[in-house]
Amino acid sequence: MKKLLTLTLVSLFILGCATPYEKTGLLGGFSDTQLDSNVFSISFQGNGYTSREKTKDFTMLRSAELALQNGYQYFAIIEGGSHETQGTYTMPTQTHGSATTYGNTTNFSAFTTGGQTLNFAFPSESNTIVCYKEKPDLFFTYNANFIYKSITQKYKIKESLK
């Protein structure tokens, strides 16, 4: 019983954390695929404690990071999308009681725990980007360095590109 309680508390602690900015793991995260020398597909999966804004920002951060890591200064999003997986979980119901007898009279008291239904939503975001060394004049592009600095400062993420 003690092991079950410890495991439950550790699980709740882990699951109570928003998705960190890292490769996909237990709590979510980003993944990417290089499709051509300057084309990348990026996705970020959040958990039930991750906001839609953070999911979008982390997808943009990974897009900027990939551009910079590969020697590009700008990127354009040629395809993007948002998705949210929703679900519910109903806690198991347990009834506990006690009986007290005084002579010919027995009193019984009981209480029930659980039965609550929890709603959750897991946001996800994806981008397909094309990277450029020079800023193209014909369409909108993002400055990878600006996006990278802006989002790492916003979320106090230690910059890994130097």
N, C-alpha and C. Protein backbone atom coordinates (compact mmCIF):
# COMPACT_ATOMS: atom_id res chain seq x y z
N MET A 1 0.82 -1.19 0.00
CA MET A 1 0.00 0.00 0.00
C MET A 1 0.87 1.26 0.00
N LYS A 2 1.97 1.22 0.77
CA LYS A 2 2.87 2.37 0.85
C LYS A 2 3.53 2.63 -0.50
N LYS A 3 3.90 1.55 -1.22
CA LYS A 3 4.51 1.70 -2.53
C LYS A 3 3.52 2.33 -3.51
N LEU A 4 2.26 1.91 -3.44
CA LEU A 4 1.23 2.45 -4.33
C LEU A 4 1.04 3.94 -4.08
N LEU A 5 0.99 4.34 -2.82
CA LEU A 5 0.84 5.75 -2.48
C LEU A 5 2.03 6.57 -2.98
N THR A 6 3.23 6.06 -2.79
CA THR A 6 4.43 6.75 -3.26
C THR A 6 4.41 6.88 -4.78
N LEU A 7 4.08 5.80 -5.47
CA LEU A 7 4.01 5.82 -6.93
C LEU A 7 2.96 6.81 -7.41
N THR A 8 1.83 6.85 -6.76
CA THR A 8 0.76 7.79 -7.12
C THR A 8 1.22 9.22 -6.94
N LEU A 9 1.86 9.54 -5.82
CA LEU A 9 2.32 10.90 -5.56
C LEU A 9 3.40 11.32 -6.57
N VAL A 10 4.32 10.44 -6.87
CA VAL A 10 5.37 10.75 -7.85
C VAL A 10 4.73 10.97 -9.22
N SER A 11 3.78 10.13 -9.59
CA SER A 11 3.10 10.28 -10.89
C SER A 11 2.36 11.61 -10.97
N LEU A 12 1.66 11.98 -9.92
CA LEU A 12 0.94 13.26 -9.90
C LEU A 12 1.90 14.43 -10.00
N PHE A 13 3.05 14.33 -9.34
CA PHE A 13 4.04 15.40 -9.41
C PHE A 13 4.55 15.55 -10.84
N ILE A 14 4.90 14.44 -11.48
CA ILE A 14 5.42 14.46 -12.85
C ILE A 14 4.35 14.97 -13.80
N LEU A 15 3.15 14.47 -13.67
CA LEU A 15 2.08 14.85 -14.58
C LEU A 15 1.59 16.27 -14.33
N GLY A 16 1.91 16.84 -13.18
CA GLY A 16 1.50 18.20 -12.86
C GLY A 16 2.42 19.25 -13.44
N CYS A 17 3.34 18.86 -14.29
CA CYS A 17 4.31 19.79 -14.87
C CYS A 17 3.97 20.04 -16.34
N ALA A 18 4.10 21.30 -16.75
CA ALA A 18 3.92 21.62 -18.17
C ALA A 18 5.07 21.01 -18.97
N THR A 19 4.84 20.84 -20.24
CA THR A 19 5.84 20.25 -21.11
C THR A 19 7.07 21.15 -21.18
N PRO A 20 8.26 20.62 -20.91
CA PRO A 20 9.48 21.42 -21.02
C PRO A 20 9.91 21.53 -22.48
N TYR A 21 10.82 22.47 -22.75
CA TYR A 21 11.37 22.61 -24.09
C TYR A 21 12.50 21.59 -24.24
N GLU A 22 12.17 20.45 -24.81
CA GLU A 22 13.14 19.39 -25.04
C GLU A 22 12.56 18.41 -26.05
N LYS A 23 13.41 17.47 -26.50
CA LYS A 23 12.92 16.44 -27.43
C LYS A 23 11.77 15.68 -26.78
N THR A 24 10.93 15.11 -27.63
CA THR A 24 9.74 14.41 -27.16
C THR A 24 10.10 13.36 -26.11
N GLY A 25 9.39 13.41 -24.98
CA GLY A 25 9.59 12.48 -23.89
C GLY A 25 8.27 12.20 -23.20
N LEU A 26 8.33 11.79 -21.95
CA LEU A 26 7.15 11.44 -21.17
C LEU A 26 6.14 12.58 -21.08
N LEU A 27 6.62 13.81 -20.96
CA LEU A 27 5.74 14.96 -20.79
C LEU A 27 5.42 15.68 -22.10
N GLY A 28 5.86 15.14 -23.24
CA GLY A 28 5.68 15.81 -24.52
C GLY A 28 7.01 16.35 -25.00
N GLY A 29 6.98 17.32 -25.92
CA GLY A 29 8.18 17.94 -26.42
C GLY A 29 8.18 18.06 -27.93
N PHE A 30 9.35 18.40 -28.50
CA PHE A 30 9.42 18.62 -29.95
C PHE A 30 10.07 17.45 -30.67
N SER A 31 9.73 17.36 -31.96
CA SER A 31 10.42 16.44 -32.86
C SER A 31 10.53 17.17 -34.20
N ASP A 32 11.51 16.79 -34.99
CA ASP A 32 11.69 17.43 -36.29
C ASP A 32 12.30 16.45 -37.27
N THR A 33 12.08 16.75 -38.55
CA THR A 33 12.61 15.94 -39.63
C THR A 33 13.12 16.88 -40.71
N GLN A 34 14.32 16.63 -41.21
CA GLN A 34 14.85 17.41 -42.32
C GLN A 34 14.33 16.80 -43.61
N LEU A 35 13.65 17.61 -44.43
CA LEU A 35 13.03 17.13 -45.66
C LEU A 35 13.87 17.45 -46.89
N ASP A 36 14.71 18.46 -46.80
CA ASP A 36 15.62 18.86 -47.87
C ASP A 36 16.73 19.66 -47.19
N SER A 37 17.69 20.14 -47.95
CA SER A 37 18.82 20.86 -47.31
C SER A 37 18.35 22.07 -46.52
N ASN A 38 17.26 22.71 -46.92
CA ASN A 38 16.76 23.90 -46.23
C ASN A 38 15.29 23.80 -45.85
N VAL A 39 14.74 22.59 -45.79
CA VAL A 39 13.32 22.38 -45.46
C VAL A 39 13.22 21.43 -44.27
N PHE A 40 12.41 21.84 -43.29
CA PHE A 40 12.25 21.06 -42.07
C PHE A 40 10.78 20.97 -41.68
N SER A 41 10.43 19.85 -41.10
CA SER A 41 9.11 19.65 -40.50
C SER A 41 9.30 19.58 -38.99
N ILE A 42 8.56 20.41 -38.25
CA ILE A 42 8.70 20.51 -36.80
C ILE A 42 7.34 20.28 -36.17
N SER A 43 7.32 19.54 -35.08
CA SER A 43 6.07 19.41 -34.31
C SER A 43 6.39 19.50 -32.82
N PHE A 44 5.42 20.00 -32.08
CA PHE A 44 5.55 20.09 -30.63
C PHE A 44 4.26 19.59 -30.01
N GLN A 45 4.39 18.64 -29.09
CA GLN A 45 3.24 18.05 -28.39
C GLN A 45 3.28 18.49 -26.94
N GLY A 46 2.24 19.18 -26.49
CA GLY A 46 2.13 19.58 -25.09
C GLY A 46 1.36 18.54 -24.30
N ASN A 47 1.30 18.75 -22.99
CA ASN A 47 0.47 17.88 -22.15
C ASN A 47 -0.69 18.70 -21.59
N GLY A 48 -1.43 18.15 -20.66
CA GLY A 48 -2.61 18.82 -20.11
C GLY A 48 -2.31 20.10 -19.35
N TYR A 49 -1.05 20.38 -19.04
CA TYR A 49 -0.67 21.59 -18.31
C TYR A 49 0.05 22.60 -19.21
N THR A 50 0.07 22.35 -20.51
CA THR A 50 0.75 23.22 -21.44
C THR A 50 -0.27 24.05 -22.20
N SER A 51 -0.08 25.37 -22.21
CA SER A 51 -1.02 26.25 -22.90
C SER A 51 -0.82 26.18 -24.41
N ARG A 52 -1.85 26.56 -25.13
CA ARG A 52 -1.76 26.62 -26.60
C ARG A 52 -0.69 27.63 -27.00
N GLU A 53 -0.59 28.76 -26.29
CA GLU A 53 0.42 29.78 -26.60
C GLU A 53 1.83 29.21 -26.47
N LYS A 54 2.07 28.48 -25.39
CA LYS A 54 3.40 27.90 -25.17
C LYS A 54 3.73 26.88 -26.25
N THR A 55 2.75 26.10 -26.64
CA THR A 55 2.94 25.10 -27.69
C THR A 55 3.34 25.78 -29.00
N LYS A 56 2.64 26.86 -29.35
CA LYS A 56 2.96 27.61 -30.57
C LYS A 56 4.35 28.24 -30.47
N ASP A 57 4.64 28.85 -29.31
CA ASP A 57 5.96 29.48 -29.12
C ASP A 57 7.09 28.46 -29.23
N PHE A 58 6.93 27.30 -28.62
CA PHE A 58 8.00 26.30 -28.65
C PHE A 58 8.19 25.72 -30.06
N THR A 59 7.13 25.67 -30.85
CA THR A 59 7.26 25.24 -32.24
C THR A 59 8.04 26.29 -33.03
N MET A 60 7.75 27.56 -32.78
CA MET A 60 8.49 28.65 -33.43
C MET A 60 9.95 28.64 -32.98
N LEU A 61 10.19 28.41 -31.69
CA LEU A 61 11.56 28.37 -31.17
C LEU A 61 12.36 27.27 -31.85
N ARG A 62 11.76 26.10 -31.98
CA ARG A 62 12.48 24.99 -32.63
C ARG A 62 12.73 25.31 -34.11
N SER A 63 11.79 25.98 -34.76
CA SER A 63 11.97 26.39 -36.15
C SER A 63 13.17 27.32 -36.28
N ALA A 64 13.25 28.31 -35.40
CA ALA A 64 14.37 29.26 -35.42
C ALA A 64 15.69 28.55 -35.11
N GLU A 65 15.66 27.66 -34.14
CA GLU A 65 16.86 26.91 -33.75
C GLU A 65 17.41 26.10 -34.92
N LEU A 66 16.53 25.40 -35.63
CA LEU A 66 16.96 24.59 -36.77
C LEU A 66 17.55 25.45 -37.88
N ALA A 67 16.92 26.59 -38.13
CA ALA A 67 17.45 27.49 -39.15
C ALA A 67 18.86 27.92 -38.78
N LEU A 68 19.05 28.39 -37.56
CA LEU A 68 20.36 28.88 -37.11
C LEU A 68 21.41 27.77 -37.06
N GLN A 69 21.02 26.60 -36.59
CA GLN A 69 21.97 25.48 -36.51
C GLN A 69 22.47 25.04 -37.88
N ASN A 70 21.67 25.32 -38.91
CA ASN A 70 22.03 24.91 -40.27
C ASN A 70 22.56 26.07 -41.12
N GLY A 71 22.89 27.19 -40.47
CA GLY A 71 23.52 28.31 -41.17
C GLY A 71 22.58 29.26 -41.88
N TYR A 72 21.29 29.25 -41.53
CA TYR A 72 20.32 30.13 -42.17
C TYR A 72 19.90 31.24 -41.19
N GLN A 73 19.55 32.40 -41.74
CA GLN A 73 19.15 33.54 -40.90
C GLN A 73 17.64 33.77 -40.90
N TYR A 74 16.93 33.24 -41.89
CA TYR A 74 15.49 33.49 -42.05
C TYR A 74 14.77 32.18 -42.34
N PHE A 75 13.49 32.17 -42.02
CA PHE A 75 12.67 31.02 -42.39
C PHE A 75 11.24 31.48 -42.67
N ALA A 76 10.58 30.74 -43.54
CA ALA A 76 9.17 30.98 -43.87
C ALA A 76 8.40 29.72 -43.53
N ILE A 77 7.23 29.90 -42.97
CA ILE A 77 6.35 28.76 -42.67
C ILE A 77 5.51 28.51 -43.92
N ILE A 78 5.69 27.36 -44.54
CA ILE A 78 4.92 27.06 -45.76
C ILE A 78 3.70 26.20 -45.45
N GLU A 79 3.71 25.60 -44.27
CA GLU A 79 2.54 24.83 -43.83
C GLU A 79 2.57 24.78 -42.31
N GLY A 80 1.43 24.99 -41.69
CA GLY A 80 1.37 24.93 -40.24
C GLY A 80 0.01 24.43 -39.80
N GLY A 81 -0.06 23.96 -38.58
CA GLY A 81 -1.34 23.47 -38.08
C GLY A 81 -1.35 23.33 -36.58
N SER A 82 -2.55 23.39 -36.03
CA SER A 82 -2.77 23.22 -34.59
C SER A 82 -3.78 22.10 -34.40
N HIS A 83 -3.60 21.38 -33.32
CA HIS A 83 -4.52 20.29 -33.01
C HIS A 83 -4.62 20.18 -31.50
N GLU A 84 -5.75 19.72 -31.03
CA GLU A 84 -5.91 19.52 -29.59
C GLU A 84 -6.64 18.21 -29.36
N THR A 85 -6.01 17.32 -28.61
CA THR A 85 -6.64 16.06 -28.23
C THR A 85 -7.32 16.26 -26.89
N GLN A 86 -8.61 15.96 -26.82
CA GLN A 86 -9.36 16.15 -25.59
C GLN A 86 -9.85 14.81 -25.07
N GLY A 87 -9.99 14.74 -23.76
CA GLY A 87 -10.49 13.51 -23.15
C GLY A 87 -10.91 13.75 -21.71
N THR A 88 -11.40 12.71 -21.10
CA THR A 88 -11.81 12.78 -19.70
C THR A 88 -11.32 11.54 -18.97
N TYR A 89 -11.21 11.68 -17.66
CA TYR A 89 -10.86 10.56 -16.80
C TYR A 89 -11.71 10.67 -15.54
N THR A 90 -12.40 9.61 -15.18
CA THR A 90 -13.21 9.60 -13.97
C THR A 90 -12.47 8.82 -12.89
N MET A 91 -12.26 9.49 -11.76
CA MET A 91 -11.56 8.87 -10.63
C MET A 91 -12.41 7.72 -10.09
N PRO A 92 -11.78 6.62 -9.68
CA PRO A 92 -12.54 5.50 -9.11
C PRO A 92 -13.26 5.93 -7.82
N THR A 93 -14.43 5.38 -7.61
CA THR A 93 -15.22 5.69 -6.42
C THR A 93 -14.94 4.65 -5.35
N GLN A 94 -14.71 5.11 -4.11
CA GLN A 94 -14.51 4.21 -2.97
C GLN A 94 -15.38 4.69 -1.82
N THR A 95 -16.02 3.76 -1.15
CA THR A 95 -16.82 4.08 0.02
C THR A 95 -16.16 3.47 1.25
N HIS A 96 -16.03 4.28 2.29
CA HIS A 96 -15.44 3.83 3.55
C HIS A 96 -16.47 4.05 4.64
N GLY A 97 -16.49 3.16 5.60
CA GLY A 97 -17.47 3.32 6.67
C GLY A 97 -16.99 2.73 7.98
N SER A 98 -17.73 3.07 9.02
CA SER A 98 -17.45 2.51 10.33
C SER A 98 -18.77 2.30 11.07
N ALA A 99 -18.78 1.28 11.90
CA ALA A 99 -19.98 0.97 12.68
C ALA A 99 -19.62 0.97 14.15
N THR A 100 -20.52 1.55 14.94
CA THR A 100 -20.34 1.58 16.39
C THR A 100 -21.61 1.01 17.02
N THR A 101 -21.43 0.07 17.95
CA THR A 101 -22.58 -0.56 18.60
C THR A 101 -22.60 -0.16 20.08
N TYR A 102 -23.76 0.30 20.54
CA TYR A 102 -24.02 0.61 21.95
C TYR A 102 -25.26 -0.18 22.35
N GLY A 103 -25.06 -1.23 23.06
CA GLY A 103 -26.19 -2.06 23.50
C GLY A 103 -26.87 -2.68 22.29
N ASN A 104 -28.18 -2.36 22.14
CA ASN A 104 -28.96 -2.90 21.03
C ASN A 104 -28.96 -1.96 19.81
N THR A 105 -28.20 -0.88 19.86
CA THR A 105 -28.20 0.10 18.77
C THR A 105 -26.84 0.12 18.06
N THR A 106 -26.90 0.08 16.74
CA THR A 106 -25.68 0.18 15.94
C THR A 106 -25.80 1.41 15.05
N ASN A 107 -24.78 2.25 15.10
CA ASN A 107 -24.72 3.44 14.23
C ASN A 107 -23.66 3.19 13.17
N PHE A 108 -24.00 3.53 11.95
CA PHE A 108 -23.08 3.35 10.84
C PHE A 108 -22.90 4.69 10.14
N SER A 109 -21.66 5.05 9.91
CA SER A 109 -21.40 6.27 9.12
C SER A 109 -20.47 5.89 7.98
N ALA A 110 -20.70 6.53 6.84
CA ALA A 110 -19.92 6.22 5.66
C ALA A 110 -19.63 7.50 4.88
N PHE A 111 -18.55 7.45 4.13
CA PHE A 111 -18.25 8.55 3.22
C PHE A 111 -17.67 7.96 1.94
N THR A 112 -17.90 8.66 0.86
CA THR A 112 -17.46 8.21 -0.44
C THR A 112 -16.44 9.20 -1.00
N THR A 113 -15.38 8.67 -1.56
CA THR A 113 -14.38 9.52 -2.21
C THR A 113 -14.27 9.13 -3.67
N GLY A 114 -13.73 10.03 -4.47
CA GLY A 114 -13.55 9.75 -5.89
C GLY A 114 -14.80 10.08 -6.67
N GLY A 115 -14.87 9.57 -7.86
CA GLY A 115 -16.02 9.81 -8.72
C GLY A 115 -15.95 11.11 -9.52
N GLN A 116 -14.91 11.93 -9.26
CA GLN A 116 -14.79 13.18 -10.01
C GLN A 116 -14.32 12.88 -11.43
N THR A 117 -14.84 13.65 -12.36
CA THR A 117 -14.41 13.52 -13.74
C THR A 117 -13.48 14.68 -14.07
N LEU A 118 -12.29 14.35 -14.56
CA LEU A 118 -11.31 15.35 -14.93
C LEU A 118 -11.28 15.48 -16.45
N ASN A 119 -11.30 16.71 -16.93
CA ASN A 119 -11.19 16.97 -18.37
C ASN A 119 -9.75 17.37 -18.67
N PHE A 120 -9.23 16.93 -19.79
CA PHE A 120 -7.88 17.32 -20.17
C PHE A 120 -7.82 17.60 -21.66
N ALA A 121 -6.83 18.42 -22.04
CA ALA A 121 -6.58 18.75 -23.44
C ALA A 121 -5.08 18.77 -23.66
N PHE A 122 -4.64 18.10 -24.72
CA PHE A 122 -3.23 18.06 -25.08
C PHE A 122 -3.06 18.83 -26.39
N PRO A 123 -2.50 20.06 -26.34
CA PRO A 123 -2.32 20.83 -27.57
C PRO A 123 -1.09 20.37 -28.34
N SER A 124 -1.15 20.49 -29.65
CA SER A 124 0.02 20.21 -30.48
C SER A 124 0.05 21.22 -31.63
N GLU A 125 1.22 21.43 -32.14
CA GLU A 125 1.45 22.42 -33.20
C GLU A 125 2.47 21.85 -34.16
N SER A 126 2.36 22.20 -35.44
CA SER A 126 3.35 21.74 -36.41
C SER A 126 3.64 22.85 -37.42
N ASN A 127 4.86 22.88 -37.92
CA ASN A 127 5.30 23.81 -38.95
C ASN A 127 6.13 23.04 -39.97
N THR A 128 5.98 23.39 -41.21
CA THR A 128 6.95 23.00 -42.23
C THR A 128 7.57 24.31 -42.67
N ILE A 129 8.90 24.40 -42.56
CA ILE A 129 9.59 25.66 -42.86
C ILE A 129 10.60 25.50 -43.98
N VAL A 130 10.82 26.60 -44.68
CA VAL A 130 11.90 26.70 -45.67
C VAL A 130 12.83 27.78 -45.13
N CYS A 131 14.13 27.47 -45.11
CA CYS A 131 15.13 28.38 -44.54
C CYS A 131 15.89 29.11 -45.64
N TYR A 132 16.32 30.33 -45.33
CA TYR A 132 17.04 31.17 -46.28
C TYR A 132 18.23 31.85 -45.61
N LYS A 133 19.31 31.99 -46.37
CA LYS A 133 20.48 32.72 -45.87
C LYS A 133 20.26 34.23 -45.97
N GLU A 134 19.59 34.68 -47.03
CA GLU A 134 19.27 36.09 -47.25
C GLU A 134 17.75 36.26 -47.16
N LYS A 135 17.32 37.43 -46.77
CA LYS A 135 15.88 37.69 -46.65
C LYS A 135 15.25 37.83 -48.04
N PRO A 136 14.31 36.94 -48.41
CA PRO A 136 13.64 37.05 -49.72
C PRO A 136 12.71 38.26 -49.74
N ASP A 137 12.55 38.89 -50.89
CA ASP A 137 11.69 40.07 -51.02
C ASP A 137 10.24 39.72 -51.34
N LEU A 138 9.98 38.53 -51.83
CA LEU A 138 8.66 38.21 -52.36
C LEU A 138 7.62 37.77 -51.34
N PHE A 139 8.03 37.34 -50.16
CA PHE A 139 7.06 36.84 -49.18
C PHE A 139 7.59 37.04 -47.76
N PHE A 140 6.71 36.84 -46.80
CA PHE A 140 7.05 37.08 -45.40
C PHE A 140 7.96 35.98 -44.85
N THR A 141 9.01 36.40 -44.16
CA THR A 141 9.90 35.46 -43.48
C THR A 141 10.13 35.95 -42.05
N TYR A 142 10.52 35.03 -41.21
CA TYR A 142 10.88 35.35 -39.82
C TYR A 142 12.39 35.45 -39.70
N ASN A 143 12.85 36.37 -38.87
CA ASN A 143 14.26 36.50 -38.53
C ASN A 143 14.55 35.46 -37.44
N ALA A 144 15.28 34.42 -37.78
CA ALA A 144 15.50 33.30 -36.86
C ALA A 144 16.18 33.73 -35.57
N ASN A 145 17.16 34.61 -35.66
CA ASN A 145 17.88 35.07 -34.48
C ASN A 145 16.96 35.85 -33.54
N PHE A 146 16.12 36.71 -34.10
CA PHE A 146 15.18 37.49 -33.30
C PHE A 146 14.18 36.57 -32.58
N ILE A 147 13.59 35.62 -33.32
CA ILE A 147 12.63 34.68 -32.74
C ILE A 147 13.30 33.87 -31.63
N TYR A 148 14.49 33.38 -31.89
CA TYR A 148 15.22 32.56 -30.91
C TYR A 148 15.44 33.34 -29.61
N LYS A 149 15.97 34.56 -29.71
CA LYS A 149 16.24 35.37 -28.51
C LYS A 149 14.95 35.75 -27.79
N SER A 150 13.94 36.12 -28.54
CA SER A 150 12.67 36.55 -27.95
C SER A 150 12.01 35.44 -27.12
N ILE A 151 11.94 34.24 -27.69
CA ILE A 151 11.24 33.15 -26.99
C ILE A 151 12.09 32.57 -25.85
N THR A 152 13.41 32.48 -26.03
CA THR A 152 14.24 31.99 -24.91
C THR A 152 14.17 32.95 -23.73
N GLN A 153 14.09 34.24 -23.99
CA GLN A 153 13.96 35.21 -22.90
C GLN A 153 12.58 35.13 -22.25
N LYS A 154 11.54 34.98 -23.07
CA LYS A 154 10.17 34.92 -22.56
C LYS A 154 9.99 33.78 -21.56
N TYR A 155 10.57 32.62 -21.86
CA TYR A 155 10.41 31.44 -21.01
C TYR A 155 11.63 31.15 -20.15
N LYS A 156 12.60 32.06 -20.15
CA LYS A 156 13.82 31.92 -19.35
C LYS A 156 14.53 30.58 -19.63
N ILE A 157 14.65 30.29 -20.93
CA ILE A 157 15.33 29.08 -21.37
C ILE A 157 16.78 29.43 -21.62
N LYS A 158 17.68 28.63 -21.10
CA LYS A 158 19.10 28.87 -21.31
C LYS A 158 19.42 28.71 -22.79
N GLU A 159 20.01 29.75 -23.37
CA GLU A 159 20.34 29.71 -24.80
C GLU A 159 21.45 28.68 -25.03
N SER A 160 21.21 27.80 -26.00
CA SER A 160 22.20 26.76 -26.29
C SER A 160 23.00 27.08 -27.55
N LEU A 161 22.57 28.07 -28.31
CA LEU A 161 23.30 28.46 -29.53
C LEU A 161 24.24 29.60 -29.21
N LYS A 162 25.49 29.44 -29.45
CA LYS A 162 26.47 30.52 -29.20
C LYS A 162 27.42 30.59 -30.36
